[in-house]
Protein backbone atom coordinates (compact mmCIF):
# COMPACT_ATOMS: atom_id res chain seq x y z
CA UNK A 1 0.14 -0.08 -0.03
CA UNK A 2 3.12 2.69 1.18
CA UNK A 3 4.54 2.00 -2.58
CA UNK A 4 1.56 2.43 -4.23
CA UNK A 5 0.81 5.89 -2.63
CA UNK A 6 4.52 6.67 -3.29
CA UNK A 7 3.87 5.79 -6.80
CA UNK A 8 0.82 7.74 -7.10
CA UNK A 9 2.91 10.70 -5.81
CA UNK A 10 5.23 10.25 -8.28
CA UNK A 11 2.58 10.00 -10.77
CA UNK A 12 1.35 13.36 -9.44
CA UNK A 13 4.43 15.61 -9.07
CA UNK A 14 5.33 14.48 -12.56
CA UNK A 15 1.88 15.24 -14.39
CA UNK A 16 2.24 18.92 -12.61
CA UNK A 17 5.82 19.55 -13.78
CA UNK A 18 4.56 18.66 -17.19
CA UNK A 19 1.46 21.06 -16.82
CA UNK A 20 3.62 23.27 -15.17
CA UNK A 21 6.09 23.43 -18.39
CA UNK A 22 3.21 23.80 -21.01
CA UNK A 23 1.44 26.37 -19.18
CA UNK A 24 4.94 28.53 -19.46
CA UNK A 25 5.41 27.54 -22.73
CA UNK A 26 2.17 28.10 -23.90
CA UNK A 27 1.71 31.34 -21.90
CA UNK A 28 4.83 32.73 -24.16
CA UNK A 29 3.53 32.17 -27.00
CA UNK A 30 0.43 33.27 -26.09
CA UNK A 31 2.05 36.65 -25.28
CA UNK A 32 4.02 36.73 -28.35
CA UNK A 33 1.14 36.45 -30.28
CA UNK A 34 -0.76 38.81 -28.60
CA UNK A 35 2.13 41.53 -29.11
CA UNK A 36 2.60 40.96 -32.54
CA UNK A 37 -0.91 41.35 -33.35
CA UNK A 38 -1.16 44.43 -31.13
CA UNK A 39 1.90 45.88 -32.88
CA UNK A 40 0.52 45.15 -36.50
CA UNK A 41 -2.43 46.44 -35.74
CA UNK A 42 -1.45 49.40 -34.67
CA UNK A 43 1.18 49.48 -38.33
CA UNK A 44 -2.23 48.17 -40.28
CA UNK A 45 -3.02 50.91 -42.97
CA UNK A 46 1.09 50.82 -43.85
CA UNK A 47 1.61 46.85 -42.82
CA UNK A 48 4.17 45.60 -44.98
CA UNK A 49 4.65 41.84 -44.89
CA UNK A 50 7.52 41.75 -42.09
CA UNK A 51 4.59 41.74 -39.82
CA UNK A 52 2.25 39.32 -41.40
CA UNK A 53 5.08 36.95 -41.44
CA UNK A 54 6.03 37.41 -37.19
CA UNK A 55 2.14 36.76 -36.69
CA UNK A 56 2.09 33.51 -39.09
CA UNK A 57 5.25 32.21 -37.42
CA UNK A 58 3.80 32.84 -33.64
CA UNK A 59 0.44 31.61 -34.42
CA UNK A 60 2.25 28.15 -35.90
CA UNK A 61 4.55 27.68 -32.56
CA UNK A 62 1.00 28.78 -30.34
CA UNK A 63 -0.47 26.18 -31.88
CA UNK A 64 2.01 23.83 -32.26
CA UNK A 65 2.15 24.19 -28.25
CA UNK A 66 -1.02 23.61 -27.77
CA UNK A 67 -1.60 19.94 -29.66
CA UNK A 68 1.93 19.07 -28.05
CA UNK A 69 0.28 19.61 -24.25
CA UNK A 70 -3.60 19.04 -25.47
CA UNK A 71 -3.09 15.89 -22.73
CA UNK A 72 -1.91 17.29 -19.80
CA UNK A 73 -3.49 20.83 -19.80
CA UNK A 74 -6.20 21.61 -17.53
CA UNK A 75 -10.01 21.87 -19.52
CA UNK A 76 -9.86 25.34 -18.71
CA UNK A 77 -6.38 26.65 -19.86
CA UNK A 78 -7.25 24.55 -22.63
CA UNK A 79 -10.44 26.32 -23.49
CA UNK A 80 -8.88 29.81 -22.80
CA UNK A 81 -6.11 29.10 -25.24
CA UNK A 82 -7.82 27.71 -27.92
CA UNK A 83 -10.16 30.39 -28.17
CA UNK A 84 -7.72 32.77 -28.76
CA UNK A 85 -7.00 30.96 -31.96
CA UNK A 86 -9.97 31.93 -33.84
CA UNK A 87 -9.72 35.67 -33.74
CA UNK A 88 -5.91 35.72 -33.87
CA UNK A 89 -6.88 34.03 -37.68
CA UNK A 90 -9.00 36.29 -38.39
CA UNK A 91 -6.93 38.94 -37.47
CA UNK A 92 -3.91 37.29 -39.52
CA UNK A 93 -6.41 37.45 -42.65
CA UNK A 94 -7.43 40.57 -42.16
CA UNK A 95 -3.21 41.56 -42.27
CA UNK A 96 -3.15 39.18 -45.73
CA UNK A 97 -5.73 41.77 -46.99
CA UNK A 98 -3.83 44.47 -46.27
CA UNK A 99 -0.55 43.11 -46.96
CA UNK A 100 -2.35 42.34 -51.12
CA UNK A 101 -4.08 45.94 -50.81
CA UNK A 102 -1.11 47.94 -49.88
CA UNK A 103 1.59 46.00 -52.97
CA UNK A 104 -1.74 46.06 -55.25
CA UNK A 105 -1.93 50.47 -54.36
CA UNK A 106 -5.64 49.72 -53.43
CA UNK A 107 -5.71 50.90 -49.67
CA UNK A 108 -7.58 48.89 -46.58
CA UNK A 109 -11.06 49.69 -45.98
CA UNK A 110 -11.31 51.56 -42.84
CA UNK A 111 -14.23 49.63 -41.16
CA UNK A 112 -11.94 46.83 -41.43
CA UNK A 113 -10.11 48.62 -38.56
CA UNK A 114 -13.32 48.06 -36.19
CA UNK A 115 -13.02 44.06 -36.66
CA UNK A 116 -9.25 44.19 -36.32
CA UNK A 117 -9.79 46.44 -32.89
CA UNK A 118 -12.93 44.01 -31.49
CA UNK A 119 -10.73 40.56 -32.33
CA UNK A 120 -7.58 42.66 -30.22
CA UNK A 121 -10.06 43.09 -27.30
CA UNK A 122 -11.46 39.36 -26.88
CA UNK A 123 -7.47 38.29 -27.43
CA UNK A 124 -6.37 40.90 -24.44
CA UNK A 125 -9.83 39.43 -22.58
CA UNK A 126 -9.34 35.71 -22.89
CA UNK A 127 -5.33 36.00 -22.47
CA UNK A 128 -6.03 38.19 -19.35
CA UNK A 129 -7.66 35.39 -18.07
CA UNK A 130 -5.25 32.92 -19.24
CA UNK A 131 -2.70 34.47 -17.44
CA UNK A 132 -4.48 34.42 -14.34
CA UNK A 133 -5.92 30.57 -14.24
CA UNK A 134 -2.13 29.95 -14.82
CA UNK A 135 -0.65 31.67 -12.48
CA UNK A 136 -3.20 29.86 -10.10
CA UNK A 137 -2.95 26.62 -11.13
CA UNK A 138 1.29 26.75 -10.73
CA UNK A 139 0.84 29.12 -7.61
CA UNK A 140 2.00 32.19 -8.39
CA UNK A 141 0.24 34.43 -6.75
CA UNK A 142 -3.15 34.18 -4.85
CA UNK A 143 -4.75 33.44 -7.60
CA UNK A 144 -6.85 30.76 -7.60
CA UNK A 145 -7.36 28.17 -10.98
CA UNK A 146 -11.08 27.62 -10.06
CA UNK A 147 -12.10 31.30 -9.60
CA UNK A 148 -9.50 33.83 -11.85
CA UNK A 149 -11.24 33.04 -15.36
CA UNK A 150 -14.93 33.61 -15.66
CA UNK A 151 -17.39 30.55 -17.10
CA UNK A 152 -17.13 30.14 -20.79
CA UNK A 153 -20.11 31.64 -21.25
CA UNK A 154 -19.46 34.81 -19.54
CA UNK A 155 -16.09 35.80 -22.03
CA UNK A 156 -18.33 36.71 -24.89
CA UNK A 157 -20.03 39.26 -25.09
């Protein structure tokens, strides 16, 4: 019985270590992606293809980190991170359209900026919840993983 308890404790500790590693990696990728999207949105009307490439690379790294760590992520963390994918892909598409418009000297329609800003607000809200939950889960501050993030239905308004 003692050996079983020790083995169970060892497995729990190993799982926590893997979760912590995955959470830190995904947090870093989400932070980079959010910041690259923010920077690109500021320069959107005068955008160069370099910003688009940075966003696409960050998006790919973020997605790969999610794929690699899915099995060990707490469900709330996965949901928050996964929900960041759609608005970030929409912004990347808008960046691609802006890059093409610039190349064709057609100009970027101002109404498209509203969609970018809305997606950035969504990403910011999800990222904030994600970081709070992650910090609570790994014990960085007083946040509790059960209270840091609002229920899924309350995030989308």
